[in-house]
Amino acid sequence: MKPLLDLEWAIKGEEDFHFLSYWTAEGKKIDAVIVKKGGEPMIYETKDYTMVVAIDCVKIGFIFRNGKHITGGEG
């Protein structure tokens, strides 16, 4: 698990793939491919947090604070 609670993040779907983008404290954009299970992206959302299972060199569960979610997330 990789808690990134204070970073801005976004999810984008393109054809058969979903991508997680998040920005470091220095403003660097990191992209990761979201893992699918049974054909569905592994994104688990609660009221305050979202966990995304994605590949960023290795498979990791990223946990974000929902208040930091960016719609559209290009950058």
C-alpha atoms as a PDB file:
ATOM      1  CA  MET A   1       0.000   0.000   0.000  1.00  0.00           C
ATOM      2  CA  LYS A   2       1.143   3.499  -0.824  1.00  0.00           C
ATOM      3  CA  PRO A   3      -0.879   6.190   1.004  1.00  0.00           C
ATOM      4  CA  LEU A   4      -0.754   9.446  -0.978  1.00  0.00           C
ATOM      5  CA  LEU A   5      -3.451  11.235   0.990  1.00  0.00           C
ATOM      6  CA  ASP A   6      -2.400  14.808   0.254  1.00  0.00           C
ATOM      7  CA  LEU A   7      -1.664  14.502  -3.480  1.00  0.00           C
ATOM      8  CA  GLU A   8      -3.994  15.518  -6.315  1.00  0.00           C
ATOM      9  CA  TRP A   9      -5.060  12.624  -8.534  1.00  0.00           C
ATOM     10  CA  ALA A  10      -7.276  11.680 -11.484  1.00  0.00           C
ATOM     11  CA  ILE A  11      -8.515   8.595 -13.328  1.00  0.00           C
ATOM     12  CA  LYS A  12      -8.880   8.509 -17.099  1.00  0.00           C
ATOM     13  CA  GLY A  13     -10.349   5.764 -19.300  1.00  0.00           C
ATOM     14  CA  GLU A  14      -9.092   5.158 -22.848  1.00  0.00           C
ATOM     15  CA  GLU A  15     -10.649   2.296 -24.826  1.00  0.00           C
ATOM     16  CA  ASP A  16      -9.783  -0.887 -22.851  1.00  0.00           C
ATOM     17  CA  PHE A  17      -7.428   0.781 -20.358  1.00  0.00           C
ATOM     18  CA  HIS A  18      -7.805   3.016 -17.311  1.00  0.00           C
ATOM     19  CA  PHE A  19      -4.975   5.203 -16.081  1.00  0.00           C
ATOM     20  CA  LEU A  20      -4.238   6.750 -12.710  1.00  0.00           C
ATOM     21  CA  SER A  21      -2.426  10.095 -12.730  1.00  0.00           C
ATOM     22  CA  TYR A  22      -1.179  11.787  -9.593  1.00  0.00           C
ATOM     23  CA  TRP A  23       1.020  14.791  -8.942  1.00  0.00           C
ATOM     24  CA  THR A  24       3.918  14.802  -6.486  1.00  0.00           C
ATOM     25  CA  ALA A  25       4.446  17.630  -4.007  1.00  0.00           C
ATOM     26  CA  GLU A  26       6.950  19.048  -6.532  1.00  0.00           C
ATOM     27  CA  GLY A  27       4.272  19.074  -9.257  1.00  0.00           C
ATOM     28  CA  LYS A  28       5.614  16.090 -11.236  1.00  0.00           C
ATOM     29  CA  LYS A  29       2.868  14.029 -12.929  1.00  0.00           C
ATOM     30  CA  ILE A  30       3.091  10.255 -12.471  1.00  0.00           C
ATOM     31  CA  ASP A  31       0.984   7.878 -14.604  1.00  0.00           C
ATOM     32  CA  ALA A  32       0.144   4.268 -13.745  1.00  0.00           C
ATOM     33  CA  VAL A  33      -2.001   1.615 -15.476  1.00  0.00           C
ATOM     34  CA  ILE A  34      -4.984   0.488 -13.385  1.00  0.00           C
ATOM     35  CA  VAL A  35      -5.216  -3.281 -12.904  1.00  0.00           C
ATOM     36  CA  LYS A  36      -8.458  -5.016 -13.950  1.00  0.00           C
ATOM     37  CA  LYS A  37     -10.141  -7.948 -12.237  1.00  0.00           C
ATOM     38  CA  GLY A  38     -12.951  -9.707 -14.086  1.00  0.00           C
ATOM     39  CA  GLY A  39     -12.759  -6.999 -16.752  1.00  0.00           C
ATOM     40  CA  GLU A  40     -13.381  -4.164 -14.240  1.00  0.00           C
ATOM     41  CA  PRO A  41     -10.768  -1.649 -13.043  1.00  0.00           C
ATOM     42  CA  MET A  42      -9.751  -2.225  -9.424  1.00  0.00           C
ATOM     43  CA  ILE A  43     -10.997   1.055  -7.940  1.00  0.00           C
ATOM     44  CA  TYR A  44     -12.541   0.924  -4.465  1.00  0.00           C
ATOM     45  CA  GLU A  45     -14.229   4.053  -3.138  1.00  0.00           C
ATOM     46  CA  THR A  46     -15.578   4.941   0.308  1.00  0.00           C
ATOM     47  CA  LYS A  47     -16.958   8.240   1.554  1.00  0.00           C
ATOM     48  CA  ASP A  48     -13.511   9.728   2.312  1.00  0.00           C
ATOM     49  CA  TYR A  49     -10.947   7.595   0.480  1.00  0.00           C
ATOM     50  CA  THR A  50     -10.357   5.770  -2.806  1.00  0.00           C
ATOM     51  CA  MET A  51      -7.974   2.847  -3.291  1.00  0.00           C
ATOM     52  CA  VAL A  52      -6.708   2.205  -6.824  1.00  0.00           C
ATOM     53  CA  VAL A  53      -4.716  -0.937  -7.668  1.00  0.00           C
ATOM     54  CA  ALA A  54      -2.322   0.080 -10.424  1.00  0.00           C
ATOM     55  CA  ILE A  55       1.059  -0.728 -11.915  1.00  0.00           C
ATOM     56  CA  ASP A  56       3.726   1.916 -11.336  1.00  0.00           C
ATOM     57  CA  CYS A  57       6.781  -0.308 -12.002  1.00  0.00           C
ATOM     58  CA  VAL A  58       5.147  -2.868  -9.635  1.00  0.00           C
ATOM     59  CA  LYS A  59       1.513  -3.502  -8.637  1.00  0.00           C
ATOM     60  CA  ILE A  60       0.595  -1.159  -5.761  1.00  0.00           C
ATOM     61  CA  GLY A  61      -2.617  -0.166  -3.984  1.00  0.00           C
ATOM     62  CA  PHE A  62      -2.728   3.656  -3.967  1.00  0.00           C
ATOM     63  CA  ILE A  63      -4.954   5.333  -1.376  1.00  0.00           C
ATOM     64  CA  PHE A  64      -6.129   8.900  -1.945  1.00  0.00           C
ATOM     65  CA  ARG A  65      -8.326  11.379  -0.089  1.00  0.00           C
ATOM     66  CA  ASN A  66     -11.451  11.949  -2.192  1.00  0.00           C
ATOM     67  CA  GLY A  67     -11.324  15.713  -1.617  1.00  0.00           C
ATOM     68  CA  LYS A  68      -8.159  15.839  -3.755  1.00  0.00           C
ATOM     69  CA  HIS A  69      -9.732  14.165  -6.827  1.00  0.00           C
ATOM     70  CA  ILE A  70      -9.463  16.209 -10.049  1.00  0.00           C
ATOM     71  CA  THR A  71     -11.995  15.731 -12.830  1.00  0.00           C
ATOM     72  CA  GLY A  72     -10.341  15.495 -16.239  1.00  0.00           C
ATOM     73  CA  GLY A  73      -6.832  15.399 -14.725  1.00  0.00           C
ATOM     74  CA  GLU A  74      -4.784  16.303 -17.797  1.00  0.00           C
ATOM     75  CA  GLY A  75      -1.577  18.151 -17.133  1.00  0.00           C
END
